[in-house]
Amino acid sequence: ANPVGTPAPSAGPAPPPGPRPAPPDAGRAESAGPCAQPEGTPAGPGPLPAPPGTSTGGVSGAAAPASGGTPATPAAAWRSEGQLRRVIAAEVRELVGAADRPITLASAAQAVRARLGPAATDGWAGTGSFKKLLAIVDLPGLAISAAPEYIYDPRRHSPPRNGAAASGQPGPLSPQAELINRISQVTDIPRLSSKEFRAMFEELAAEVEANGFNRTATSRAVRDRCVDRGEHIGRGAVNFVLNGLLYAGRPPRPGDTARTLADAFADNAVVLCQNARMELSPSEISYLRAWITSGDGPPADAPPQPASP
């Protein structure tokens, strides 16, 4: 210790009396609030990025920004496979709740994929298939029928029936008509005649060439165009075709021909059959494509597709 009165050694002049100056970054830390982290400290976990293929602006199915300005995306539900399964289950419950009849599993899977995107549905949240996912998620009040597999609400829907009885046909059908019935029952592809498919694709090409493509407006306009030429094709059938083209990544564009659109939808129809585990021979696949693309007439003995409003 230094003797009393002896000044202590110092490396420099002593600071003047009064409050000590704050460190250079203290003002910024204090202004940010008592929980602010020093500069350079990693921030805590924030909201996850939106799933691939989603957007917060103008895209159907995208979440709208919340009132505070933070996008309300479904990304938080993707933090684990369990949460993603709950998101998919909620989509399925909404689909069945909005349907007026049973839905095939192939159609339900396509609709969910269209809503959530391939990033959410590749691998079906670790289960490997849509059917296996449905077997383990919570779907209160819903049932799945035996092959051809439908999901439905027994309180609102009549249980689906198998075979020709479901189509209401009184007698045996030709092999080609039985094939079309089976494909339509399993995949929900509209049971139109080849002539009706041709009319739809011709009017779709003409409408998009004249006015561009807008899902809702185009669907309505194509239905009206078909009625004007004497083909009473329901809007539900038009919507199914448009959804199939969008799912296949081939939305209608100006310059498309009716045959181009028909071929694209026929490709999607084959994929739907494959996803539904339908085993079609090469000749059956050829007939399926011809049914949609040829426009020569109805398949033999095929029942008409009821028009929907």
C-alpha atoms as a PDB file:
ATOM      1  CA  ALA A   1       0.000   0.000   0.000  1.00  0.00           C
ATOM      2  CA  ASN A   2       1.141   3.538  -0.662  1.00  0.00           C
ATOM      3  CA  PRO A   3       1.762   5.783   2.302  1.00  0.00           C
ATOM      4  CA  VAL A   4      -1.047   8.150   3.172  1.00  0.00           C
ATOM      5  CA  GLY A   5      -0.928  11.199   0.920  1.00  0.00           C
ATOM      6  CA  THR A   6       1.204   9.508  -1.716  1.00  0.00           C
ATOM      7  CA  PRO A   7      -0.605   9.674  -5.066  1.00  0.00           C
ATOM      8  CA  ALA A   8      -1.470   6.308  -6.609  1.00  0.00           C
ATOM      9  CA  PRO A   9       0.328   5.482  -9.862  1.00  0.00           C
ATOM     10  CA  SER A  10      -1.837   5.736 -12.905  1.00  0.00           C
ATOM     11  CA  ALA A  11      -1.565   5.032 -16.602  1.00  0.00           C
ATOM     12  CA  GLY A  12      -3.106   8.372 -17.436  1.00  0.00           C
ATOM     13  CA  PRO A  13      -5.008  11.264 -16.052  1.00  0.00           C
ATOM     14  CA  ALA A  14      -7.870  10.431 -13.750  1.00  0.00           C
ATOM     15  CA  PRO A  15     -11.351  10.951 -15.246  1.00  0.00           C
ATOM     16  CA  PRO A  16     -13.099  14.097 -14.157  1.00  0.00           C
ATOM     17  CA  PRO A  17     -15.697  13.800 -11.386  1.00  0.00           C
ATOM     18  CA  GLY A  18     -19.249  13.063 -12.500  1.00  0.00           C
ATOM     19  CA  PRO A  19     -21.053  10.198 -14.241  1.00  0.00           C
ATOM     20  CA  ARG A  20     -18.875   7.860 -16.192  1.00  0.00           C
ATOM     21  CA  PRO A  21     -19.425   7.885 -19.966  1.00  0.00           C
ATOM     22  CA  ALA A  22     -21.447   4.986 -21.364  1.00  0.00           C
ATOM     23  CA  PRO A  23     -19.771   2.427 -23.622  1.00  0.00           C
ATOM     24  CA  PRO A  24     -20.141   3.223 -27.335  1.00  0.00           C
ATOM     25  CA  ASP A  25     -22.911   0.638 -27.944  1.00  0.00           C
ATOM     26  CA  ALA A  26     -24.807   1.139 -24.709  1.00  0.00           C
ATOM     27  CA  GLY A  27     -27.175   3.727 -26.111  1.00  0.00           C
ATOM     28  CA  ARG A  28     -28.279   1.419 -28.838  1.00  0.00           C
ATOM     29  CA  ALA A  29     -28.793  -1.461 -26.431  1.00  0.00           C
ATOM     30  CA  GLU A  30     -30.778   0.690 -23.999  1.00  0.00           C
ATOM     31  CA  SER A  31     -32.927   2.174 -26.743  1.00  0.00           C
ATOM     32  CA  ALA A  32     -33.848  -1.300 -27.874  1.00  0.00           C
ATOM     33  CA  GLY A  33     -35.291  -2.135 -24.448  1.00  0.00           C
ATOM     34  CA  PRO A  34     -34.227  -4.178 -21.459  1.00  0.00           C
ATOM     35  CA  CYS A  35     -34.261  -7.483 -23.416  1.00  0.00           C
ATOM     36  CA  ALA A  36     -32.128  -6.269 -26.304  1.00  0.00           C
ATOM     37  CA  GLN A  37     -29.161  -8.439 -27.187  1.00  0.00           C
ATOM     38  CA  PRO A  38     -25.681  -6.959 -27.653  1.00  0.00           C
ATOM     39  CA  GLU A  39     -24.630  -6.390 -31.217  1.00  0.00           C
ATOM     40  CA  GLY A  40     -23.300  -9.546 -32.819  1.00  0.00           C
ATOM     41  CA  THR A  41     -25.274 -11.903 -30.541  1.00  0.00           C
ATOM     42  CA  PRO A  42     -27.328 -14.331 -32.664  1.00  0.00           C
ATOM     43  CA  ALA A  43     -31.019 -13.561 -32.543  1.00  0.00           C
ATOM     44  CA  GLY A  44     -33.450 -16.088 -31.128  1.00  0.00           C
ATOM     45  CA  PRO A  45     -35.592 -18.264 -33.388  1.00  0.00           C
ATOM     46  CA  GLY A  46     -38.035 -16.304 -35.488  1.00  0.00           C
ATOM     47  CA  PRO A  47     -40.824 -17.370 -37.813  1.00  0.00           C
ATOM     48  CA  LEU A  48     -39.924 -20.113 -40.235  1.00  0.00           C
ATOM     49  CA  PRO A  49     -39.736 -19.211 -43.916  1.00  0.00           C
ATOM     50  CA  ALA A  50     -42.791 -19.863 -46.028  1.00  0.00           C
ATOM     51  CA  PRO A  51     -42.882 -23.341 -47.571  1.00  0.00           C
ATOM     52  CA  PRO A  52     -41.512 -23.564 -51.115  1.00  0.00           C
ATOM     53  CA  GLY A  53     -44.044 -22.505 -53.692  1.00  0.00           C
ATOM     54  CA  THR A  54     -46.119 -20.345 -51.357  1.00  0.00           C
ATOM     55  CA  SER A  55     -46.533 -16.624 -51.437  1.00  0.00           C
ATOM     56  CA  THR A  56     -48.317 -13.992 -49.422  1.00  0.00           C
ATOM     57  CA  GLY A  57     -49.561 -11.986 -52.328  1.00  0.00           C
ATOM     58  CA  GLY A  58     -52.267 -12.719 -54.864  1.00  0.00           C
ATOM     59  CA  VAL A  59     -51.911 -16.499 -55.124  1.00  0.00           C
ATOM     60  CA  SER A  60     -54.899 -18.660 -54.358  1.00  0.00           C
ATOM     61  CA  GLY A  61     -54.394 -20.452 -51.071  1.00  0.00           C
ATOM     62  CA  ALA A  62     -51.646 -18.100 -49.859  1.00  0.00           C
ATOM     63  CA  ALA A  63     -52.006 -16.667 -46.391  1.00  0.00           C
ATOM     64  CA  ALA A  64     -52.774 -12.995 -46.096  1.00  0.00           C
ATOM     65  CA  PRO A  65     -50.578 -10.736 -43.965  1.00  0.00           C
ATOM     66  CA  ALA A  66     -51.785 -10.331 -40.408  1.00  0.00           C
ATOM     67  CA  SER A  67     -52.868  -6.953 -39.105  1.00  0.00           C
ATOM     68  CA  GLY A  68     -49.485  -6.369 -37.504  1.00  0.00           C
ATOM     69  CA  GLY A  69     -47.721  -6.772 -40.824  1.00  0.00           C
ATOM     70  CA  THR A  70     -46.295 -10.260 -40.196  1.00  0.00           C
ATOM     71  CA  PRO A  71     -47.270 -12.744 -42.929  1.00  0.00           C
ATOM     72  CA  ALA A  72     -49.664 -15.356 -41.554  1.00  0.00           C
ATOM     73  CA  THR A  73     -48.181 -18.303 -43.422  1.00  0.00           C
ATOM     74  CA  PRO A  74     -48.814 -21.979 -42.654  1.00  0.00           C
ATOM     75  CA  ALA A  75     -45.067 -22.444 -42.248  1.00  0.00           C
ATOM     76  CA  ALA A  76     -45.307 -22.812 -38.472  1.00  0.00           C
ATOM     77  CA  ALA A  77     -47.240 -26.044 -39.012  1.00  0.00           C
ATOM     78  CA  TRP A  78     -44.258 -27.447 -40.915  1.00  0.00           C
ATOM     79  CA  ARG A  79     -41.856 -27.503 -37.975  1.00  0.00           C
ATOM     80  CA  SER A  80     -42.386 -31.230 -37.504  1.00  0.00           C
ATOM     81  CA  GLU A  81     -43.932 -34.119 -39.366  1.00  0.00           C
ATOM     82  CA  GLY A  82     -46.644 -34.327 -36.716  1.00  0.00           C
ATOM     83  CA  GLN A  83     -47.697 -30.741 -37.292  1.00  0.00           C
ATOM     84  CA  LEU A  84     -47.611 -31.181 -41.080  1.00  0.00           C
ATOM     85  CA  ARG A  85     -49.857 -34.221 -40.730  1.00  0.00           C
ATOM     86  CA  ARG A  86     -52.348 -32.109 -38.811  1.00  0.00           C
ATOM     87  CA  VAL A  87     -52.260 -29.470 -41.557  1.00  0.00           C
ATOM     88  CA  ILE A  88     -52.976 -32.107 -44.220  1.00  0.00           C
ATOM     89  CA  ALA A  89     -55.734 -33.670 -42.094  1.00  0.00           C
ATOM     90  CA  ALA A  90     -57.377 -30.261 -41.767  1.00  0.00           C
ATOM     91  CA  GLU A  91     -57.294 -29.859 -45.556  1.00  0.00           C
ATOM     92  CA  VAL A  92     -58.939 -33.270 -45.982  1.00  0.00           C
ATOM     93  CA  ARG A  93     -61.675 -32.453 -43.474  1.00  0.00           C
ATOM     94  CA  GLU A  94     -62.360 -29.191 -45.315  1.00  0.00           C
ATOM     95  CA  LEU A  95     -62.515 -30.974 -48.692  1.00  0.00           C
ATOM     96  CA  VAL A  96     -64.966 -33.596 -47.464  1.00  0.00           C
ATOM     97  CA  GLY A  97     -67.012 -30.987 -45.633  1.00  0.00           C
ATOM     98  CA  ALA A  98     -67.454 -28.980 -48.819  1.00  0.00           C
ATOM     99  CA  ALA A  99     -68.254 -32.005 -51.026  1.00  0.00           C
ATOM    100  CA  ASP A 100     -71.772 -33.095 -51.842  1.00  0.00           C
ATOM    101  CA  ARG A 101     -70.730 -36.700 -52.475  1.00  0.00           C
ATOM    102  CA  PRO A 102     -67.882 -39.094 -51.583  1.00  0.00           C
ATOM    103  CA  ILE A 103     -64.441 -38.175 -52.939  1.00  0.00           C
ATOM    104  CA  THR A 104     -61.967 -40.691 -54.293  1.00  0.00           C
ATOM    105  CA  LEU A 105     -58.658 -40.823 -52.477  1.00  0.00           C
ATOM    106  CA  ALA A 106     -56.856 -40.023 -55.734  1.00  0.00           C
ATOM    107  CA  SER A 107     -58.855 -36.833 -56.176  1.00  0.00           C
ATOM    108  CA  ALA A 108     -58.445 -35.857 -52.527  1.00  0.00           C
ATOM    109  CA  ALA A 109     -54.672 -36.355 -52.747  1.00  0.00           C
ATOM    110  CA  GLN A 110     -54.484 -34.227 -55.888  1.00  0.00           C
ATOM    111  CA  ALA A 111     -56.545 -31.466 -54.278  1.00  0.00           C
ATOM    112  CA  VAL A 112     -54.358 -31.418 -51.155  1.00  0.00           C
ATOM    113  CA  ARG A 113     -51.195 -31.311 -53.256  1.00  0.00           C
ATOM    114  CA  ALA A 114     -52.628 -28.435 -55.294  1.00  0.00           C
ATOM    115  CA  ARG A 115     -53.428 -26.524 -52.087  1.00  0.00           C
ATOM    116  CA  LEU A 116     -50.198 -27.137 -50.148  1.00  0.00           C
ATOM    117  CA  GLY A 117     -47.673 -27.740 -52.907  1.00  0.00           C
ATOM    118  CA  PRO A 118     -45.257 -30.608 -53.539  1.00  0.00           C
ATOM    119  CA  ALA A 119     -42.915 -29.548 -50.714  1.00  0.00           C
ATOM    120  CA  ALA A 120     -45.639 -30.420 -48.215  1.00  0.00           C
ATOM    121  CA  THR A 121     -46.863 -33.604 -49.862  1.00  0.00           C
ATOM    122  CA  ASP A 122     -43.726 -35.334 -51.143  1.00  0.00           C
ATOM    123  CA  GLY A 123     -43.487 -38.340 -48.845  1.00  0.00           C
ATOM    124  CA  TRP A 124     -46.763 -37.383 -47.138  1.00  0.00           C
ATOM    125  CA  ALA A 125     -45.176 -36.247 -43.874  1.00  0.00           C
ATOM    126  CA  GLY A 126     -43.020 -39.337 -43.505  1.00  0.00           C
ATOM    127  CA  THR A 127     -45.791 -41.895 -44.062  1.00  0.00           C
ATOM    128  CA  GLY A 128     -44.969 -42.712 -47.694  1.00  0.00           C
ATOM    129  CA  SER A 129     -48.481 -42.451 -49.114  1.00  0.00           C
ATOM    130  CA  PHE A 130     -51.668 -40.439 -48.791  1.00  0.00           C
ATOM    131  CA  LYS A 131     -53.626 -43.530 -47.758  1.00  0.00           C
ATOM    132  CA  LYS A 132     -51.179 -44.397 -44.963  1.00  0.00           C
ATOM    133  CA  LEU A 133     -51.301 -40.812 -43.742  1.00  0.00           C
ATOM    134  CA  LEU A 134     -55.096 -40.894 -43.530  1.00  0.00           C
ATOM    135  CA  ALA A 135     -54.897 -44.078 -41.464  1.00  0.00           C
ATOM    136  CA  ILE A 136     -53.003 -42.365 -38.638  1.00  0.00           C
ATOM    137  CA  VAL A 137     -54.349 -38.798 -38.546  1.00  0.00           C
ATOM    138  CA  ASP A 138     -57.427 -37.584 -36.729  1.00  0.00           C
ATOM    139  CA  LEU A 139     -60.411 -37.530 -39.086  1.00  0.00           C
ATOM    140  CA  PRO A 140     -63.414 -37.675 -36.737  1.00  0.00           C
ATOM    141  CA  GLY A 141     -66.659 -38.718 -38.368  1.00  0.00           C
ATOM    142  CA  LEU A 142     -65.094 -39.579 -41.754  1.00  0.00           C
ATOM    143  CA  ALA A 143     -64.934 -43.004 -43.355  1.00  0.00           C
ATOM    144  CA  ILE A 144     -62.945 -44.624 -46.168  1.00  0.00           C
ATOM    145  CA  SER A 145     -64.633 -47.237 -48.324  1.00  0.00           C
ATOM    146  CA  ALA A 146     -63.133 -50.396 -49.778  1.00  0.00           C
ATOM    147  CA  ALA A 147     -61.802 -50.328 -53.333  1.00  0.00           C
ATOM    148  CA  PRO A 148     -62.470 -48.195 -55.212  1.00  0.00           C
ATOM    149  CA  GLU A 149     -61.495 -46.110 -52.190  1.00  0.00           C
ATOM    150  CA  TYR A 150     -63.549 -43.043 -51.316  1.00  0.00           C
ATOM    151  CA  ILE A 151     -63.421 -40.774 -48.288  1.00  0.00           C
ATOM    152  CA  TYR A 152     -66.796 -39.474 -47.134  1.00  0.00           C
ATOM    153  CA  ASP A 153     -68.936 -38.341 -44.237  1.00  0.00           C
ATOM    154  CA  PRO A 154     -71.563 -41.029 -43.495  1.00  0.00           C
ATOM    155  CA  ARG A 155     -73.789 -38.385 -41.876  1.00  0.00           C
ATOM    156  CA  ARG A 156     -74.050 -36.435 -45.147  1.00  0.00           C
ATOM    157  CA  HIS A 157     -73.079 -38.805 -47.952  1.00  0.00           C
ATOM    158  CA  SER A 158     -74.505 -42.082 -49.153  1.00  0.00           C
ATOM    159  CA  PRO A 159     -71.910 -44.846 -48.914  1.00  0.00           C
ATOM    160  CA  PRO A 160     -70.291 -45.378 -52.328  1.00  0.00           C
ATOM    161  CA  ARG A 161     -71.100 -48.539 -54.205  1.00  0.00           C
ATOM    162  CA  ASN A 162     -68.785 -50.616 -56.352  1.00  0.00           C
ATOM    163  CA  GLY A 163     -69.000 -51.646 -59.986  1.00  0.00           C
ATOM    164  CA  ALA A 164     -71.661 -50.830 -62.536  1.00  0.00           C
ATOM    165  CA  ALA A 165     -74.316 -50.564 -59.846  1.00  0.00           C
ATOM    166  CA  ALA A 166     -72.854 -47.170 -58.893  1.00  0.00           C
ATOM    167  CA  SER A 167     -73.526 -45.831 -62.369  1.00  0.00           C
ATOM    168  CA  GLY A 168     -77.134 -46.957 -62.381  1.00  0.00           C
ATOM    169  CA  GLN A 169     -76.766 -48.908 -65.622  1.00  0.00           C
ATOM    170  CA  PRO A 170     -79.301 -51.718 -65.962  1.00  0.00           C
ATOM    171  CA  GLY A 171     -77.341 -54.098 -68.150  1.00  0.00           C
ATOM    172  CA  PRO A 172     -73.814 -55.231 -68.982  1.00  0.00           C
ATOM    173  CA  LEU A 173     -71.514 -52.699 -70.625  1.00  0.00           C
ATOM    174  CA  SER A 174     -68.899 -53.111 -73.304  1.00  0.00           C
ATOM    175  CA  PRO A 175     -65.307 -53.562 -72.083  1.00  0.00           C
ATOM    176  CA  GLN A 176     -64.486 -49.998 -73.183  1.00  0.00           C
ATOM    177  CA  ALA A 177     -67.449 -48.529 -71.297  1.00  0.00           C
ATOM    178  CA  GLU A 178     -66.621 -50.602 -68.220  1.00  0.00           C
ATOM    179  CA  LEU A 179     -63.083 -49.223 -68.365  1.00  0.00           C
ATOM    180  CA  ILE A 180     -64.344 -45.632 -68.544  1.00  0.00           C
ATOM    181  CA  ASN A 181     -66.773 -46.261 -65.683  1.00  0.00           C
ATOM    182  CA  ARG A 182     -64.027 -47.767 -63.557  1.00  0.00           C
ATOM    183  CA  ILE A 183     -61.610 -44.915 -64.264  1.00  0.00           C
ATOM    184  CA  SER A 184     -64.264 -42.314 -63.529  1.00  0.00           C
ATOM    185  CA  GLN A 185     -65.316 -43.994 -60.279  1.00  0.00           C
ATOM    186  CA  VAL A 186     -61.750 -44.266 -58.991  1.00  0.00           C
ATOM    187  CA  THR A 187     -60.344 -40.904 -60.161  1.00  0.00           C
ATOM    188  CA  ASP A 188     -63.460 -38.696 -60.511  1.00  0.00           C
ATOM    189  CA  ILE A 189     -62.516 -37.815 -64.099  1.00  0.00           C
ATOM    190  CA  PRO A 190     -65.771 -36.486 -65.620  1.00  0.00           C
ATOM    191  CA  ARG A 191     -67.572 -39.189 -67.605  1.00  0.00           C
ATOM    192  CA  LEU A 192     -67.971 -37.043 -70.698  1.00  0.00           C
ATOM    193  CA  SER A 193     -68.160 -38.298 -74.232  1.00  0.00           C
ATOM    194  CA  SER A 194     -65.180 -37.798 -76.530  1.00  0.00           C
ATOM    195  CA  LYS A 195     -67.258 -35.246 -78.425  1.00  0.00           C
ATOM    196  CA  GLU A 196     -67.877 -33.294 -75.218  1.00  0.00           C
ATOM    197  CA  PHE A 197     -64.195 -33.363 -74.314  1.00  0.00           C
ATOM    198  CA  ARG A 198     -63.367 -32.001 -77.771  1.00  0.00           C
ATOM    199  CA  ALA A 199     -65.919 -29.198 -77.396  1.00  0.00           C
ATOM    200  CA  MET A 200     -64.535 -28.294 -73.975  1.00  0.00           C
ATOM    201  CA  PHE A 201     -60.918 -28.149 -75.146  1.00  0.00           C
ATOM    202  CA  GLU A 202     -61.832 -26.174 -78.276  1.00  0.00           C
ATOM    203  CA  GLU A 203     -63.734 -23.604 -76.234  1.00  0.00           C
ATOM    204  CA  LEU A 204     -61.018 -23.507 -73.582  1.00  0.00           C
ATOM    205  CA  ALA A 205     -58.378 -22.755 -76.215  1.00  0.00           C
ATOM    206  CA  ALA A 206     -60.583 -20.075 -77.794  1.00  0.00           C
ATOM    207  CA  GLU A 207     -61.410 -18.445 -74.447  1.00  0.00           C
ATOM    208  CA  VAL A 208     -57.796 -18.295 -73.277  1.00  0.00           C
ATOM    209  CA  GLU A 209     -56.686 -16.947 -76.647  1.00  0.00           C
ATOM    210  CA  ALA A 210     -59.269 -14.166 -76.426  1.00  0.00           C
ATOM    211  CA  ASN A 211     -59.156 -13.279 -72.725  1.00  0.00           C
ATOM    212  CA  GLY A 212     -56.200 -15.005 -71.102  1.00  0.00           C
ATOM    213  CA  PHE A 213     -56.484 -17.483 -68.265  1.00  0.00           C
ATOM    214  CA  ASN A 214     -58.178 -16.811 -64.952  1.00  0.00           C
ATOM    215  CA  ARG A 215     -59.317 -19.903 -63.121  1.00  0.00           C
ATOM    216  CA  THR A 216     -62.733 -18.679 -62.025  1.00  0.00           C
ATOM    217  CA  ALA A 217     -63.588 -16.521 -65.036  1.00  0.00           C
ATOM    218  CA  THR A 218     -62.275 -19.069 -67.537  1.00  0.00           C
ATOM    219  CA  SER A 219     -64.249 -21.892 -65.941  1.00  0.00           C
ATOM    220  CA  ARG A 220     -67.480 -19.928 -66.170  1.00  0.00           C
ATOM    221  CA  ALA A 221     -66.807 -18.706 -69.714  1.00  0.00           C
ATOM    222  CA  VAL A 222     -65.939 -22.196 -71.028  1.00  0.00           C
ATOM    223  CA  ARG A 223     -69.112 -23.643 -69.517  1.00  0.00           C
ATOM    224  CA  ASP A 224     -71.167 -20.898 -71.201  1.00  0.00           C
ATOM    225  CA  ARG A 225     -69.373 -21.354 -74.526  1.00  0.00           C
ATOM    226  CA  CYS A 226     -70.100 -25.086 -74.484  1.00  0.00           C
ATOM    227  CA  VAL A 227     -73.782 -24.452 -73.733  1.00  0.00           C
ATOM    228  CA  ASP A 228     -73.938 -21.983 -76.634  1.00  0.00           C
ATOM    229  CA  ARG A 229     -72.741 -24.683 -79.033  1.00  0.00           C
ATOM    230  CA  GLY A 230     -75.220 -27.232 -77.670  1.00  0.00           C
ATOM    231  CA  GLU A 231     -72.936 -29.164 -75.329  1.00  0.00           C
ATOM    232  CA  HIS A 232     -74.309 -28.989 -71.788  1.00  0.00           C
ATOM    233  CA  ILE A 233     -71.129 -29.618 -69.842  1.00  0.00           C
ATOM    234  CA  GLY A 234     -71.296 -28.845 -66.138  1.00  0.00           C
ATOM    235  CA  ARG A 235     -68.945 -26.349 -64.602  1.00  0.00           C
ATOM    236  CA  GLY A 236     -67.716 -29.021 -62.209  1.00  0.00           C
ATOM    237  CA  ALA A 237     -66.342 -30.960 -65.187  1.00  0.00           C
ATOM    238  CA  VAL A 238     -64.631 -27.834 -66.510  1.00  0.00           C
ATOM    239  CA  ASN A 239     -63.109 -27.144 -63.096  1.00  0.00           C
ATOM    240  CA  PHE A 240     -61.823 -30.700 -62.839  1.00  0.00           C
ATOM    241  CA  VAL A 241     -60.039 -30.375 -66.175  1.00  0.00           C
ATOM    242  CA  LEU A 242     -58.555 -26.992 -65.252  1.00  0.00           C
ATOM    243  CA  ASN A 243     -57.342 -28.332 -61.908  1.00  0.00           C
ATOM    244  CA  GLY A 244     -55.766 -31.300 -63.673  1.00  0.00           C
ATOM    245  CA  LEU A 245     -53.895 -29.028 -66.074  1.00  0.00           C
ATOM    246  CA  LEU A 246     -52.680 -26.841 -63.210  1.00  0.00           C
ATOM    247  CA  TYR A 247     -51.613 -29.865 -61.165  1.00  0.00           C
ATOM    248  CA  ALA A 248     -49.650 -31.135 -64.170  1.00  0.00           C
ATOM    249  CA  GLY A 249     -47.849 -27.792 -64.369  1.00  0.00           C
ATOM    250  CA  ARG A 250     -49.461 -27.042 -67.706  1.00  0.00           C
ATOM    251  CA  PRO A 251     -51.911 -24.126 -67.249  1.00  0.00           C
ATOM    252  CA  PRO A 252     -53.737 -23.021 -70.405  1.00  0.00           C
ATOM    253  CA  ARG A 253     -51.868 -20.296 -72.311  1.00  0.00           C
ATOM    254  CA  PRO A 254     -52.666 -18.159 -75.364  1.00  0.00           C
ATOM    255  CA  GLY A 255     -51.572 -20.056 -78.444  1.00  0.00           C
ATOM    256  CA  ASP A 256     -52.556 -23.473 -77.091  1.00  0.00           C
ATOM    257  CA  THR A 257     -54.600 -25.650 -79.408  1.00  0.00           C
ATOM    258  CA  ALA A 258     -57.429 -27.902 -78.326  1.00  0.00           C
ATOM    259  CA  ARG A 259     -55.251 -30.947 -79.021  1.00  0.00           C
ATOM    260  CA  THR A 260     -52.363 -29.583 -76.956  1.00  0.00           C
ATOM    261  CA  LEU A 261     -54.671 -29.095 -73.980  1.00  0.00           C
ATOM    262  CA  ALA A 262     -56.323 -32.496 -74.479  1.00  0.00           C
ATOM    263  CA  ASP A 263     -52.949 -34.252 -74.566  1.00  0.00           C
ATOM    264  CA  ALA A 264     -51.848 -32.488 -71.363  1.00  0.00           C
ATOM    265  CA  PHE A 265     -55.027 -33.501 -69.554  1.00  0.00           C
ATOM    266  CA  ALA A 266     -54.722 -37.076 -70.845  1.00  0.00           C
ATOM    267  CA  ASP A 267     -51.221 -37.208 -69.324  1.00  0.00           C
ATOM    268  CA  ASN A 268     -52.705 -36.084 -66.014  1.00  0.00           C
ATOM    269  CA  ALA A 269     -55.451 -38.711 -66.290  1.00  0.00           C
ATOM    270  CA  VAL A 270     -52.842 -41.463 -66.611  1.00  0.00           C
ATOM    271  CA  VAL A 271     -51.033 -40.122 -63.523  1.00  0.00           C
ATOM    272  CA  LEU A 272     -54.318 -40.093 -61.580  1.00  0.00           C
ATOM    273  CA  CYS A 273     -54.852 -43.752 -62.418  1.00  0.00           C
ATOM    274  CA  GLN A 274     -51.305 -44.600 -61.366  1.00  0.00           C
ATOM    275  CA  ASN A 275     -51.708 -42.722 -58.078  1.00  0.00           C
ATOM    276  CA  ALA A 276     -54.915 -44.679 -57.435  1.00  0.00           C
ATOM    277  CA  ARG A 277     -52.984 -47.952 -57.978  1.00  0.00           C
ATOM    278  CA  MET A 278     -55.073 -48.806 -61.018  1.00  0.00           C
ATOM    279  CA  GLU A 279     -53.274 -51.413 -63.098  1.00  0.00           C
ATOM    280  CA  LEU A 280     -53.983 -50.513 -66.726  1.00  0.00           C
ATOM    281  CA  SER A 281     -52.635 -52.455 -69.669  1.00  0.00           C
ATOM    282  CA  PRO A 282     -50.971 -50.579 -72.548  1.00  0.00           C
ATOM    283  CA  SER A 283     -54.121 -51.015 -74.628  1.00  0.00           C
ATOM    284  CA  GLU A 284     -56.264 -49.609 -71.803  1.00  0.00           C
ATOM    285  CA  ILE A 285     -53.978 -46.592 -71.477  1.00  0.00           C
ATOM    286  CA  SER A 286     -54.253 -46.052 -75.228  1.00  0.00           C
ATOM    287  CA  TYR A 287     -58.035 -46.170 -74.993  1.00  0.00           C
ATOM    288  CA  LEU A 288     -58.008 -43.785 -72.050  1.00  0.00           C
ATOM    289  CA  ARG A 289     -55.987 -41.288 -74.079  1.00  0.00           C
ATOM    290  CA  ALA A 290     -58.202 -41.746 -77.130  1.00  0.00           C
ATOM    291  CA  TRP A 291     -61.330 -41.184 -75.028  1.00  0.00           C
ATOM    292  CA  ILE A 292     -60.043 -37.771 -73.967  1.00  0.00           C
ATOM    293  CA  THR A 293     -58.260 -36.633 -77.112  1.00  0.00           C
ATOM    294  CA  SER A 294     -59.936 -38.152 -80.167  1.00  0.00           C
ATOM    295  CA  GLY A 295     -63.228 -36.266 -80.238  1.00  0.00           C
ATOM    296  CA  ASP A 296     -64.692 -38.925 -82.539  1.00  0.00           C
ATOM    297  CA  GLY A 297     -67.700 -39.731 -80.377  1.00  0.00           C
ATOM    298  CA  PRO A 298     -68.741 -41.250 -77.056  1.00  0.00           C
ATOM    299  CA  PRO A 299     -67.176 -44.456 -75.799  1.00  0.00           C
ATOM    300  CA  ALA A 300     -69.476 -47.368 -76.531  1.00  0.00           C
ATOM    301  CA  ASP A 301     -72.384 -47.546 -74.067  1.00  0.00           C
ATOM    302  CA  ALA A 302     -70.836 -44.921 -71.782  1.00  0.00           C
ATOM    303  CA  PRO A 303     -73.469 -43.198 -69.648  1.00  0.00           C
ATOM    304  CA  PRO A 304     -73.754 -39.418 -69.944  1.00  0.00           C
ATOM    305  CA  GLN A 305     -72.164 -37.165 -67.322  1.00  0.00           C
ATOM    306  CA  PRO A 306     -74.858 -35.223 -65.424  1.00  0.00           C
ATOM    307  CA  ALA A 307     -74.455 -31.463 -65.831  1.00  0.00           C
ATOM    308  CA  SER A 308     -73.748 -29.435 -62.716  1.00  0.00           C
ATOM    309  CA  PRO A 309     -74.631 -25.788 -62.272  1.00  0.00           C
END
